[in-house]
Protein backbone atom coordinates (compact mmCIF):
# COMPACT_ATOMS: atom_id res chain seq x y z
CA MET A 1 -8.79 -26.07 -4.04
CA GLY A 2 -5.63 -25.16 -2.16
CA LYS A 3 -5.43 -23.40 1.15
CA PRO A 4 -6.72 -19.82 1.11
CA LEU A 5 -4.24 -16.98 1.15
CA ILE A 6 -4.19 -15.61 4.70
CA ALA A 7 -3.80 -11.84 4.87
CA THR A 8 -2.18 -10.06 7.80
CA PRO A 9 -2.70 -6.29 8.14
CA GLN A 10 0.33 -4.24 9.15
CA THR A 11 0.92 -0.61 10.07
CA GLN A 12 3.98 1.57 9.54
CA HIS A 13 4.38 4.83 11.46
CA PHE A 14 6.05 7.85 9.87
CA PRO A 15 7.06 10.59 12.35
CA ASP A 16 8.51 13.03 9.77
CA ARG A 17 6.45 15.56 7.88
CA LEU A 18 5.18 14.70 4.42
CA PRO A 19 4.92 17.86 2.30
CA LEU A 20 1.61 18.06 0.44
CA GLN A 21 0.71 19.50 -2.96
CA GLY A 22 -1.66 21.97 -1.33
CA GLY A 23 1.23 23.65 0.50
CA GLY A 24 0.74 22.11 3.94
CA SER A 25 2.07 18.91 5.40
CA ILE A 26 1.15 16.01 7.64
CA ARG A 27 3.30 14.38 10.28
CA ALA A 28 3.13 11.48 12.70
CA TYR A 29 0.91 9.48 10.37
CA ASP A 30 0.33 5.77 9.90
CA LEU A 31 -0.05 3.76 6.70
CA ALA A 32 -1.94 0.47 6.86
CA PHE A 33 -0.72 -2.13 4.38
CA GLU A 34 -0.65 -5.81 3.55
CA THR A 35 1.86 -7.93 1.66
CA TYR A 36 1.41 -11.23 -0.13
CA GLY A 37 4.06 -13.60 -1.41
CA THR A 38 7.80 -13.48 -0.76
CA LEU A 39 10.26 -10.73 -1.64
CA ASN A 40 13.15 -12.31 -3.55
CA ALA A 41 16.80 -11.87 -2.63
CA ASP A 42 17.48 -8.90 -4.90
CA LYS A 43 14.05 -7.35 -4.18
CA SER A 44 13.19 -7.25 -7.85
CA ASN A 45 9.75 -8.93 -7.76
CA ALA A 46 7.72 -6.31 -5.86
CA VAL A 47 4.37 -5.18 -7.27
CA LEU A 48 2.42 -2.31 -5.74
CA VAL A 49 -1.38 -2.46 -6.11
CA CYS A 50 -3.15 0.90 -5.71
CA HIS A 51 -6.77 1.09 -4.62
CA ALA A 52 -9.74 3.07 -5.90
CA LEU A 53 -12.31 5.16 -4.04
CA ASN A 54 -13.85 2.83 -1.48
CA ALA A 55 -11.28 0.02 -1.36
CA SER A 56 -8.30 -0.44 0.94
CA HIS A 57 -4.99 -2.19 1.55
CA HIS A 58 -6.86 -5.51 1.83
CA VAL A 59 -6.33 -6.48 -1.79
CA ALA A 60 -6.37 -10.27 -1.59
CA GLY A 61 -6.80 -13.28 0.62
CA VAL A 62 -8.87 -13.61 3.77
CA TYR A 63 -8.20 -12.88 7.40
CA ALA A 64 -7.65 -15.86 9.69
CA ASP A 65 -10.95 -17.29 10.96
CA GLN A 66 -12.89 -14.86 8.71
CA PRO A 67 -13.68 -16.89 5.57
CA LYS A 68 -15.96 -14.18 4.13
CA SER A 69 -13.35 -11.43 4.33
CA ALA A 70 -11.93 -11.76 0.80
CA GLY A 71 -9.88 -8.82 -0.46
CA TRP A 72 -11.38 -6.45 -3.01
CA TRP A 73 -9.25 -7.83 -5.90
CA ASP A 74 -9.01 -11.41 -4.72
CA ASN A 75 -9.94 -12.71 -8.18
CA MET A 76 -6.87 -10.95 -9.60
CA VAL A 77 -4.22 -11.40 -6.90
CA GLY A 78 -3.15 -14.63 -5.21
CA PRO A 79 -1.48 -18.00 -5.76
CA GLY A 80 -1.89 -19.04 -9.38
CA LYS A 81 -3.97 -15.94 -10.23
CA PRO A 82 -3.11 -13.37 -12.93
CA LEU A 83 -0.92 -11.49 -10.45
CA ASP A 84 0.59 -14.63 -8.98
CA THR A 85 1.80 -14.32 -5.38
CA ASN A 86 3.88 -17.48 -5.87
CA ARG A 87 6.09 -15.35 -8.12
CA PHE A 88 5.57 -11.77 -6.96
CA PHE A 89 5.73 -9.88 -3.68
CA VAL A 90 2.53 -7.83 -3.76
CA ILE A 91 1.93 -4.77 -1.60
CA GLY A 92 -1.41 -3.11 -0.92
CA VAL A 93 -1.48 0.28 0.85
CA ASN A 94 -4.39 2.17 2.36
CA ASN A 95 -4.04 5.80 1.32
CA LEU A 96 -3.80 8.78 3.63
CA GLY A 97 -7.23 10.23 4.32
CA SER A 98 -8.98 6.91 3.93
CA CYS A 99 -11.01 5.25 6.67
CA PHE A 100 -9.58 1.73 6.70
CA GLY A 101 -6.53 2.03 8.94
CA SER A 102 -4.24 4.72 7.59
CA THR A 103 -4.37 8.15 9.21
CA GLY A 104 -7.52 9.97 8.15
CA PRO A 105 -10.11 12.52 9.26
CA MET A 106 -11.36 10.32 12.10
CA HIS A 107 -7.91 10.19 13.74
CA VAL A 108 -6.38 12.59 16.25
CA HIS A 109 -4.32 15.55 15.04
CA PRO A 110 -0.90 15.24 16.74
CA ASP A 111 -0.63 19.01 17.26
CA THR A 112 -4.09 19.69 18.72
CA GLY A 113 -5.07 16.45 20.39
CA GLN A 114 -8.46 16.75 18.65
CA VAL A 115 -9.94 14.59 15.92
CA TYR A 116 -9.00 16.01 12.51
CA GLY A 117 -12.48 16.02 11.01
CA ALA A 118 -12.72 18.69 8.34
CA ASP A 119 -9.24 19.95 9.34
CA PHE A 120 -7.57 16.95 7.72
CA PRO A 121 -5.46 18.36 4.88
CA VAL A 122 -6.58 17.98 1.29
CA VAL A 123 -4.53 15.21 -0.30
CA THR A 124 -3.84 14.46 -3.96
CA VAL A 125 -2.82 11.47 -6.03
CA GLU A 126 0.70 12.91 -6.03
CA ASP A 127 0.69 13.00 -2.22
CA TRP A 128 -0.44 9.38 -2.04
CA VAL A 129 2.33 8.31 -4.39
CA ASN A 130 4.90 10.13 -2.27
CA ALA A 131 3.57 8.43 0.88
CA GLN A 132 3.65 5.05 -0.85
CA ALA A 133 7.27 5.71 -1.86
CA ARG A 134 8.16 6.27 1.79
CA LEU A 135 6.57 2.94 2.68
CA LEU A 136 8.59 1.17 -0.01
CA ASP A 137 11.72 2.84 1.36
CA SER A 138 10.91 1.39 4.78
CA LEU A 139 10.56 -2.06 3.18
CA GLY A 140 13.92 -1.69 1.45
CA ILE A 141 12.39 -1.73 -2.04
CA GLN A 142 14.09 0.68 -4.41
CA GLN A 143 12.39 -0.37 -7.65
CA LEU A 144 9.05 -1.97 -8.45
CA ALA A 145 8.67 -4.73 -10.98
CA ALA A 146 5.25 -3.18 -11.57
CA VAL A 147 2.68 -0.81 -10.18
CA MET A 148 -0.95 -1.65 -10.89
CA GLY A 149 -4.37 -0.13 -10.33
CA GLY A 150 -7.86 0.32 -11.70
CA SER A 151 -9.85 3.55 -11.89
CA LEU A 152 -8.37 5.94 -9.29
CA GLY A 153 -5.78 3.23 -8.62
CA GLY A 154 -4.75 3.50 -12.26
CA MET A 155 -4.16 7.22 -11.79
CA GLN A 156 -1.80 6.40 -8.93
CA ALA A 157 0.01 3.86 -11.10
CA LEU A 158 0.39 6.54 -13.76
CA GLY A 159 1.55 8.98 -11.08
CA TRP A 160 4.31 6.59 -10.08
CA THR A 161 5.73 6.56 -13.61
CA LEU A 162 5.76 10.37 -13.64
CA GLN A 163 7.03 11.09 -10.12
CA TYR A 164 9.46 8.19 -9.73
CA PRO A 165 10.23 7.10 -13.31
CA GLU A 166 13.41 5.29 -12.32
CA ARG A 167 11.62 3.22 -9.65
CA VAL A 168 9.02 1.55 -11.91
CA ARG A 169 9.70 -1.02 -14.63
CA HIS A 170 6.09 -1.68 -15.64
CA ALA A 171 2.75 0.04 -15.11
CA VAL A 172 -0.62 -1.72 -15.44
CA VAL A 173 -3.34 0.93 -15.78
CA ILE A 174 -6.90 -0.39 -15.98
CA ALA A 175 -10.16 1.46 -16.64
CA SER A 176 -8.53 4.79 -15.90
CA ALA A 177 -7.88 8.22 -17.39
CA PRO A 178 -5.24 10.98 -17.43
CA ASN A 179 -7.80 13.32 -15.82
CA LEU A 180 -11.52 13.59 -15.17
CA THR A 181 -13.94 14.99 -17.71
CA ALA A 182 -16.29 17.81 -16.75
CA GLU A 183 -19.11 15.26 -16.46
CA ASN A 184 -17.11 13.18 -13.99
CA ILE A 185 -16.26 16.23 -11.89
CA ALA A 186 -19.97 17.11 -11.94
CA PHE A 187 -20.97 13.69 -10.58
CA ASN A 188 -18.40 14.07 -7.80
CA GLU A 189 -19.68 17.53 -6.92
CA VAL A 190 -23.31 16.40 -6.70
CA ALA A 191 -22.23 13.57 -4.38
CA ARG A 192 -20.22 15.95 -2.20
CA ARG A 193 -23.10 18.40 -1.98
CA ALA A 194 -25.37 15.58 -0.84
CA ILE A 195 -22.96 15.01 2.05
CA VAL A 196 -22.14 18.59 3.09
CA THR A 197 -25.81 19.66 3.05
CA ASP A 198 -26.83 16.79 5.31
CA PRO A 199 -27.83 18.42 8.65
CA ASP A 200 -25.70 15.84 10.46
CA PHE A 201 -22.52 16.89 8.63
CA HIS A 202 -21.80 19.84 10.97
CA GLY A 203 -19.14 21.32 8.70
CA GLY A 204 -17.20 18.05 8.76
CA HIS A 205 -16.95 17.91 12.56
CA PHE A 206 -19.83 15.48 13.04
CA TYR A 207 -17.67 13.19 15.20
CA GLN A 208 -17.94 15.72 18.02
CA HIS A 209 -21.72 15.55 17.80
CA GLY A 210 -21.92 11.76 17.89
CA VAL A 211 -23.72 11.56 14.55
CA VAL A 212 -22.94 10.48 10.98
CA PRO A 213 -24.30 12.22 7.84
CA GLN A 214 -25.77 8.97 6.59
CA ARG A 215 -28.44 10.57 4.43
CA GLY A 216 -25.80 12.36 2.38
CA LEU A 217 -23.58 9.30 2.20
CA ARG A 218 -26.47 7.18 0.96
CA ILE A 219 -27.26 9.57 -1.87
CA ALA A 220 -23.56 9.95 -2.76
CA ARG A 221 -23.22 6.21 -3.05
CA MET A 222 -26.39 5.84 -5.10
CA ILE A 223 -25.12 8.45 -7.56
CA GLY A 224 -21.72 6.79 -7.77
CA HIS A 225 -23.16 3.33 -8.20
CA ILE A 226 -25.23 4.41 -11.19
CA THR A 227 -22.06 5.63 -12.91
CA TYR A 228 -20.20 2.36 -12.28
CA LEU A 229 -22.77 0.25 -14.17
CA SER A 230 -23.66 0.23 -17.84
CA ASP A 231 -27.18 0.77 -19.12
CA ASP A 232 -27.10 -2.78 -20.54
CA VAL A 233 -26.27 -4.30 -17.16
CA MET A 234 -28.99 -2.29 -15.41
CA ASN A 235 -31.59 -3.32 -17.95
CA THR A 236 -30.54 -6.95 -17.94
CA LYS A 237 -30.41 -7.19 -14.17
CA PHE A 238 -33.43 -5.05 -13.26
CA GLY A 239 -35.30 -3.78 -16.30
CA ARG A 240 -38.61 -2.38 -15.11
CA GLN A 241 -39.18 -5.14 -12.58
CA LEU A 242 -41.46 -4.10 -9.72
CA ILE A 243 -40.96 -4.90 -6.07
CA GLY A 244 -44.60 -5.93 -5.78
CA ASP A 245 -47.14 -7.30 -8.21
CA SER A 246 -48.43 -3.95 -9.40
CA TYR A 247 -48.02 -0.20 -8.99
CA ARG A 248 -48.75 1.10 -5.51
CA TYR A 249 -48.99 4.72 -6.68
CA THR A 250 -46.54 6.18 -4.18
CA THR A 251 -44.01 8.94 -4.65
CA GLN A 252 -41.84 8.07 -1.63
CA ASP A 253 -41.66 4.30 -1.36
CA ALA A 254 -39.57 2.22 -3.74
CA GLU A 255 -41.63 0.73 -6.57
CA PHE A 256 -38.96 -0.71 -8.87
CA GLN A 257 -36.25 -3.28 -8.15
CA ILE A 258 -33.55 -0.84 -9.28
CA GLU A 259 -34.72 1.64 -6.63
CA SER A 260 -34.55 -1.03 -3.94
CA TYR A 261 -31.06 -2.05 -5.08
CA LEU A 262 -29.73 1.51 -5.00
CA ARG A 263 -31.21 2.13 -1.55
CA TYR A 264 -29.60 -1.08 -0.30
CA GLN A 265 -26.21 -0.05 -1.68
CA GLY A 266 -26.56 3.40 -0.13
CA ASP A 267 -27.55 2.00 3.27
CA LYS A 268 -24.65 -0.45 3.30
CA PHE A 269 -22.11 2.18 2.26
CA SER A 270 -23.26 4.71 4.88
CA ASP A 271 -22.67 2.16 7.63
CA TYR A 272 -18.94 1.79 6.99
CA PHE A 273 -17.56 4.71 4.97
CA ASP A 274 -16.45 8.06 6.36
CA ALA A 275 -18.04 11.21 4.94
CA ASN A 276 -14.89 13.35 5.11
CA THR A 277 -12.95 10.58 3.41
CA TYR A 278 -15.48 10.61 0.58
CA LEU A 279 -14.94 14.34 0.11
CA LEU A 280 -11.16 13.98 0.16
CA ILE A 281 -10.93 11.08 -2.27
CA THR A 282 -13.35 12.49 -4.83
CA ARG A 283 -11.47 15.78 -4.73
CA ALA A 284 -8.18 13.94 -5.31
CA LEU A 285 -9.80 12.44 -8.39
CA ASP A 286 -10.81 15.92 -9.59
CA TYR A 287 -7.33 17.38 -9.10
CA PHE A 288 -5.36 14.69 -10.93
CA ASP A 289 -4.22 16.16 -14.25
CA PRO A 290 -0.53 15.65 -15.10
CA ALA A 291 -0.88 17.54 -18.39
CA ARG A 292 -2.01 20.67 -16.55
CA HIS A 293 1.60 21.77 -16.07
CA PHE A 294 2.34 21.20 -19.77
CA ASP A 295 -0.33 23.40 -21.39
CA GLY A 296 -2.68 20.43 -21.51
CA LYS A 297 -0.26 18.40 -23.67
CA LEU A 298 -0.22 14.81 -22.46
CA THR A 299 2.69 13.84 -24.68
CA ALA A 300 4.85 16.48 -22.99
CA ALA A 301 3.67 15.34 -19.55
CA PHE A 302 4.75 11.76 -20.34
CA ALA A 303 8.24 12.72 -21.57
CA LYS A 304 9.98 11.48 -18.41
CA VAL A 305 8.21 8.12 -18.31
CA GLN A 306 10.57 5.14 -18.45
CA ALA A 307 8.21 2.27 -17.62
CA GLN A 308 6.59 -0.14 -20.05
CA PHE A 309 2.79 -0.10 -19.97
CA LEU A 310 -0.24 -2.32 -20.17
CA LEU A 311 -3.47 -0.34 -20.48
CA VAL A 312 -6.90 -1.98 -20.40
CA SER A 313 -10.29 -0.38 -21.05
CA PHE A 314 -13.86 -1.68 -21.36
CA THR A 315 -16.24 -0.72 -24.13
CA THR A 316 -19.26 -0.01 -21.89
CA ASP A 317 -17.31 1.97 -19.31
CA TRP A 318 -18.70 5.45 -19.92
CA ARG A 319 -17.15 6.95 -16.81
CA PHE A 320 -13.56 6.08 -17.88
CA SER A 321 -14.16 5.39 -21.54
CA PRO A 322 -11.75 3.62 -23.93
CA GLN A 323 -11.09 6.99 -25.57
CA ARG A 324 -9.32 8.12 -22.39
CA SER A 325 -7.04 5.07 -22.44
CA ARG A 326 -6.31 5.66 -26.12
CA GLU A 327 -5.20 9.20 -25.24
CA MET A 328 -2.61 7.71 -22.88
CA VAL A 329 -1.54 5.10 -25.43
CA LYS A 330 -0.93 7.81 -28.03
CA ALA A 331 1.04 10.00 -25.62
CA LEU A 332 3.23 7.05 -24.64
CA LEU A 333 3.82 6.03 -28.25
CA ASP A 334 4.66 9.65 -29.11
CA ASN A 335 7.44 9.28 -26.53
CA ARG A 336 8.52 5.93 -28.02
CA ARG A 337 7.54 4.00 -24.90
CA THR A 338 6.63 0.31 -25.06
CA VAL A 339 2.84 -0.04 -24.72
CA SER A 340 0.36 -2.91 -24.82
CA TYR A 341 -3.32 -2.01 -25.03
CA ALA A 342 -6.44 -4.14 -24.68
CA GLU A 343 -9.95 -2.84 -25.24
CA ILE A 344 -12.33 -5.44 -23.84
CA ASP A 345 -15.87 -5.71 -25.21
CA ALA A 346 -17.58 -6.28 -21.88
CA PRO A 347 -21.12 -5.33 -20.79
CA HIS A 348 -20.41 -4.46 -17.16
CA GLY A 349 -19.47 -0.77 -17.32
CA HIS A 350 -16.76 0.67 -15.08
CA ASP A 351 -17.07 -2.17 -12.57
CA ALA A 352 -15.73 -4.56 -15.22
CA PHE A 353 -12.20 -4.03 -13.88
CA LEU A 354 -13.22 -5.86 -10.69
CA LEU A 355 -15.00 -8.75 -12.41
CA ASP A 356 -14.03 -12.08 -13.98
CA ASP A 357 -13.90 -11.57 -17.72
CA ALA A 358 -11.82 -14.38 -19.25
CA ARG A 359 -10.22 -12.15 -21.93
CA TYR A 360 -9.36 -9.47 -19.38
CA MET A 361 -7.87 -11.92 -16.90
CA ALA A 362 -5.89 -13.66 -19.64
CA THR A 363 -4.49 -10.34 -20.83
CA VAL A 364 -3.26 -9.38 -17.37
CA ARG A 365 -1.94 -12.89 -16.71
CA ALA A 366 0.07 -12.89 -19.94
CA TYR A 367 1.58 -9.51 -19.11
CA PHE A 368 2.67 -10.60 -15.64
CA ASP A 369 4.03 -13.85 -17.10
CA ARG A 370 6.33 -11.67 -19.17
CA ILE A 371 7.38 -9.63 -16.15
CA ALA A 372 8.07 -12.84 -14.21
CA GLN A 373 10.40 -14.00 -16.98
CA GLU A 374 12.27 -10.69 -16.76
CA VAL A 375 12.59 -11.06 -12.99
CA ALA A 376 13.91 -14.62 -13.34
CA ALA A 377 16.41 -13.72 -16.08
């Protein structure tokens, strides 16, 4: 094995106001980001990777002297990997409102001197894309070789092709959708209600009380985690396995291994994730709907797209099903755009986009090989 990719977090400050879709704005904000690889002389090999709900700008590599700090998509991005940092300059950005370095609800409002808390403005996918564009401007990058993301990250990649069509040559959209279904919005709402009804939430100003609404966060994460896995994976991994040797006939203690697993995931999540951030990001998911301004017609919404696309879906992903990717494929083909589509028969559910499936990895690798040839031409 070669030397590990060493990641170095950076921060860029933006003093000017960023107008937001909700009508307000935010100023004097920071964006945390990381870059991997080398930007070529004509700045034509840049790839932006957009993160999903609970990820961050730390896409790949490890931090110096922290060997267990691998980035959330380290199997996808790095030297010799499908998105090869020997050939591409890869950028990961932590979105506004997140809790991993960029300005969010736990930071101080520049106008009041108080922590934002629930007063942090509602942000949308469109707002994130606009903020990312400002970061690329600061890096001197006018056009991306590609923008890539899975799940909510895929929505941002799609947003780039709609908001800045001339700045994106390729879009790689994985396990994503052009909007959320009613069922998906419902899951998000149940998770949000778990948080806001936690007595420690205090209307979103829990920082002032020195508490964290961990009970709500735990339940929100447990709900979310169920939706990320397929029924097959749950049954294969846990089935009806008990924690002990036999039933203990209790209604409050965990009896089954799946219960123990979900409680563990909830406990871990509540220790590091911010409750207001969870509300903001799930609401951004709900709001994303580019066809809304075109009478629900996705083909009309995609009319300005110039980029070529790779879309990938997974057969057991019931939260962002293959049907949703096929909707995007059809709308792009209706507009005579160049589209590649892979539907991977994988058992892992929505989380498949983060895992090592040989067919999936080979598909992405082949697509970026093609982009690398274009860059070198």
